C-alpha cells in the first residue's frame, strides 16, 4: 500500500467521523420543547426580569491590586 493511498483512506475515515458527529449533534437538539408560560414565569420570578438596575451612586472605585 502506497503512502498516498493510506493518506486518502485516513482522510476518508476522518470525513466520515466528522459527518457522523454533525448528524448526531443536530438530531439531539430537535426534541427539546420550548418553555411553557408557567415555566417562563417561574424562571423570571427566580432570576428576575430584564428590568434595568438603578445606577450605583457613591460606589467604591474598583482598582487592580498590583
N, C-alpha and C. Protein backbone atom coordinates (compact mmCIF):
# COMPACT_ATOMS: atom_id res chain seq x y z
N UNK A 1 0.86 -1.18 0.00
CA UNK A 1 0.00 0.00 0.00
C UNK A 1 0.90 1.24 0.00
N UNK A 2 0.65 2.11 -0.93
CA UNK A 2 1.49 3.30 -1.02
C UNK A 2 1.06 4.36 -0.02
N UNK A 3 1.90 5.31 0.16
CA UNK A 3 1.64 6.37 1.13
C UNK A 3 0.42 7.20 0.75
N UNK A 4 0.22 7.51 -0.52
CA UNK A 4 -0.91 8.34 -0.95
C UNK A 4 -2.24 7.61 -0.73
N UNK A 5 -2.27 6.29 -0.92
CA UNK A 5 -3.49 5.52 -0.68
C UNK A 5 -3.81 5.53 0.81
N UNK A 6 -2.81 5.36 1.64
CA UNK A 6 -3.00 5.37 3.09
C UNK A 6 -3.52 6.72 3.57
N UNK A 7 -2.98 7.81 3.05
CA UNK A 7 -3.44 9.15 3.41
C UNK A 7 -4.88 9.35 2.96
N UNK A 8 -5.23 8.88 1.77
CA UNK A 8 -6.59 9.01 1.27
C UNK A 8 -7.58 8.24 2.15
N UNK A 9 -7.20 7.06 2.61
CA UNK A 9 -8.06 6.27 3.48
C UNK A 9 -8.25 6.96 4.82
N UNK A 10 -7.18 7.50 5.38
CA UNK A 10 -7.27 8.21 6.67
C UNK A 10 -8.16 9.44 6.54
N UNK A 11 -8.02 10.18 5.44
CA UNK A 11 -8.87 11.35 5.23
C UNK A 11 -10.33 10.96 5.05
N UNK A 12 -10.61 9.86 4.37
CA UNK A 12 -11.99 9.41 4.18
C UNK A 12 -12.61 9.00 5.51
N UNK A 13 -11.84 8.31 6.35
CA UNK A 13 -12.34 7.91 7.67
C UNK A 13 -12.60 9.14 8.53
N UNK A 14 -11.70 10.12 8.49
CA UNK A 14 -11.89 11.34 9.27
C UNK A 14 -13.13 12.10 8.80
N UNK A 15 -13.36 12.15 7.49
CA UNK A 15 -14.55 12.83 6.97
C UNK A 15 -15.82 12.10 7.39
N UNK A 16 -15.78 10.78 7.41
CA UNK A 16 -16.95 10.01 7.83
C UNK A 16 -17.26 10.26 9.31
N UNK A 17 -16.22 10.29 10.15
CA UNK A 17 -16.43 10.59 11.57
C UNK A 17 -16.98 12.00 11.77
N UNK A 18 -16.48 12.95 11.00
CA UNK A 18 -16.97 14.33 11.12
C UNK A 18 -18.44 14.42 10.71
N UNK A 19 -18.81 13.74 9.63
CA UNK A 19 -20.20 13.76 9.19
C UNK A 19 -21.11 13.10 10.22
N UNK A 20 -20.65 11.98 10.79
CA UNK A 20 -21.46 11.30 11.82
C UNK A 20 -21.63 12.18 13.04
N UNK A 21 -20.59 12.89 13.44
CA UNK A 21 -20.67 13.79 14.59
C UNK A 21 -21.68 14.91 14.35
N UNK A 22 -21.65 15.49 13.17
CA UNK A 22 -22.59 16.57 12.83
C UNK A 22 -24.03 16.05 12.87
N UNK A 23 -24.26 14.87 12.32
CA UNK A 23 -25.61 14.31 12.31
C UNK A 23 -26.10 14.00 13.72
N UNK A 24 -25.23 13.49 14.57
CA UNK A 24 -25.62 13.18 15.95
C UNK A 24 -25.94 14.45 16.72
N UNK A 25 -25.12 15.48 16.58
CA UNK A 25 -25.34 16.74 17.30
C UNK A 25 -26.62 17.42 16.83
N UNK A 26 -26.88 17.43 15.54
CA UNK A 26 -28.09 18.07 15.02
C UNK A 26 -29.34 17.33 15.42
N UNK A 27 -29.30 16.01 15.50
CA UNK A 27 -30.50 15.26 15.86
C UNK A 27 -30.81 15.39 17.35
N UNK A 28 -29.83 15.69 18.18
CA UNK A 28 -30.04 15.82 19.62
C UNK A 28 -30.80 17.07 20.01
N UNK A 29 -30.73 18.13 19.22
CA UNK A 29 -31.37 19.40 19.58
C UNK A 29 -32.84 19.47 19.16
N UNK A 30 -33.33 18.58 18.33
CA UNK A 30 -34.67 18.67 17.79
C UNK A 30 -35.76 18.33 18.79
N UNK A 31 -35.50 17.50 19.79
CA UNK A 31 -36.54 17.06 20.69
C UNK A 31 -36.78 17.94 21.88
N UNK A 32 -36.13 19.07 21.97
CA UNK A 32 -36.26 19.94 23.13
C UNK A 32 -37.42 20.91 22.93
N UNK A 33 -38.51 20.79 23.69
CA UNK A 33 -39.64 21.70 23.51
C UNK A 33 -39.35 23.08 24.10
N UNK A 34 -40.08 24.06 23.62
CA UNK A 34 -39.95 25.42 24.15
C UNK A 34 -40.56 25.48 25.54
N UNK A 35 -40.21 26.49 26.30
CA UNK A 35 -40.74 26.65 27.66
C UNK A 35 -42.22 27.02 27.62
N UNK A 36 -42.95 26.46 28.56
CA UNK A 36 -44.35 26.84 28.68
C UNK A 36 -44.42 28.19 29.40
N UNK A 37 -45.58 28.79 29.39
CA UNK A 37 -45.73 30.10 30.04
C UNK A 37 -45.50 29.99 31.54
N UNK A 38 -45.91 28.87 32.14
CA UNK A 38 -45.71 28.67 33.57
C UNK A 38 -44.23 28.55 33.91
N UNK A 39 -43.47 27.81 33.09
CA UNK A 39 -42.03 27.69 33.31
C UNK A 39 -41.33 29.03 33.11
N UNK A 40 -41.77 29.77 32.10
CA UNK A 40 -41.16 31.07 31.83
C UNK A 40 -41.39 32.04 32.98
N UNK A 41 -42.61 32.04 33.55
CA UNK A 41 -42.90 32.95 34.67
C UNK A 41 -42.13 32.52 35.92
N UNK A 42 -41.99 31.21 36.14
CA UNK A 42 -41.22 30.74 37.29
C UNK A 42 -39.75 31.12 37.14
N UNK A 43 -39.22 31.02 35.93
CA UNK A 43 -37.83 31.40 35.70
C UNK A 43 -37.63 32.91 35.93
N UNK A 44 -38.58 33.71 35.42
CA UNK A 44 -38.47 35.16 35.58
C UNK A 44 -38.58 35.55 37.05
N UNK A 45 -39.43 34.85 37.81
CA UNK A 45 -39.58 35.15 39.23
C UNK A 45 -38.31 34.79 39.99
N UNK A 46 -37.67 33.68 39.64
CA UNK A 46 -36.47 33.24 40.34
C UNK A 46 -35.25 34.09 39.99
N UNK A 47 -35.02 34.30 38.69
CA UNK A 47 -33.83 35.01 38.24
C UNK A 47 -34.03 36.51 38.14
N UNK A 48 -35.24 36.97 38.18
CA UNK A 48 -35.50 38.39 38.00
C UNK A 48 -35.86 38.68 36.56
N UNK A 49 -36.34 39.86 36.31
CA UNK A 49 -36.75 40.20 34.96
C UNK A 49 -35.67 41.00 34.27
N UNK A 50 -35.95 41.46 33.07
CA UNK A 50 -34.98 42.21 32.28
C UNK A 50 -35.01 43.71 32.59
N UNK A 51 -35.55 44.09 33.74
CA UNK A 51 -35.58 45.50 34.09
C UNK A 51 -34.15 45.99 34.35
N UNK A 52 -33.88 47.22 33.95
CA UNK A 52 -32.55 47.76 34.18
C UNK A 52 -32.37 48.09 35.65
N UNK A 53 -31.17 47.85 36.13
CA UNK A 53 -30.87 48.14 37.53
C UNK A 53 -30.64 49.62 37.72
N UNK A 54 -30.94 50.14 38.90
CA UNK A 54 -30.69 51.56 39.13
C UNK A 54 -29.19 51.84 39.16
N UNK A 55 -28.79 53.05 38.79
CA UNK A 55 -27.36 53.36 38.79
C UNK A 55 -26.79 53.38 40.22
N UNK A 56 -25.54 53.02 40.32
CA UNK A 56 -24.87 53.00 41.63
C UNK A 56 -24.35 54.40 41.92
N UNK A 57 -24.70 54.93 43.09
CA UNK A 57 -24.25 56.26 43.47
C UNK A 57 -23.23 56.14 44.60
N UNK A 58 -22.20 56.93 44.53
CA UNK A 58 -21.15 56.96 45.54
C UNK A 58 -20.57 55.57 45.80
N UNK A 59 -20.33 54.82 44.74
CA UNK A 59 -19.77 53.48 44.88
C UNK A 59 -18.27 53.53 45.03
N UNK A 60 -17.71 52.45 45.54
CA UNK A 60 -16.26 52.36 45.72
C UNK A 60 -15.61 52.16 44.36
N UNK A 61 -14.49 52.84 44.13
CA UNK A 61 -13.78 52.71 42.88
C UNK A 61 -13.08 51.35 42.83
N UNK A 62 -13.21 50.67 41.72
CA UNK A 62 -12.57 49.37 41.57
C UNK A 62 -11.21 49.57 40.91
N UNK A 63 -10.16 49.21 41.63
CA UNK A 63 -8.82 49.33 41.10
C UNK A 63 -8.11 47.99 41.16
N UNK A 64 -7.16 47.73 40.28
CA UNK A 64 -6.41 46.48 40.36
C UNK A 64 -5.55 46.45 41.61
N UNK A 65 -5.20 45.26 42.06
CA UNK A 65 -4.44 45.11 43.31
C UNK A 65 -2.94 45.23 43.14
N UNK A 66 -2.44 45.31 41.92
CA UNK A 66 -0.99 45.36 41.78
C UNK A 66 -0.40 46.69 41.99
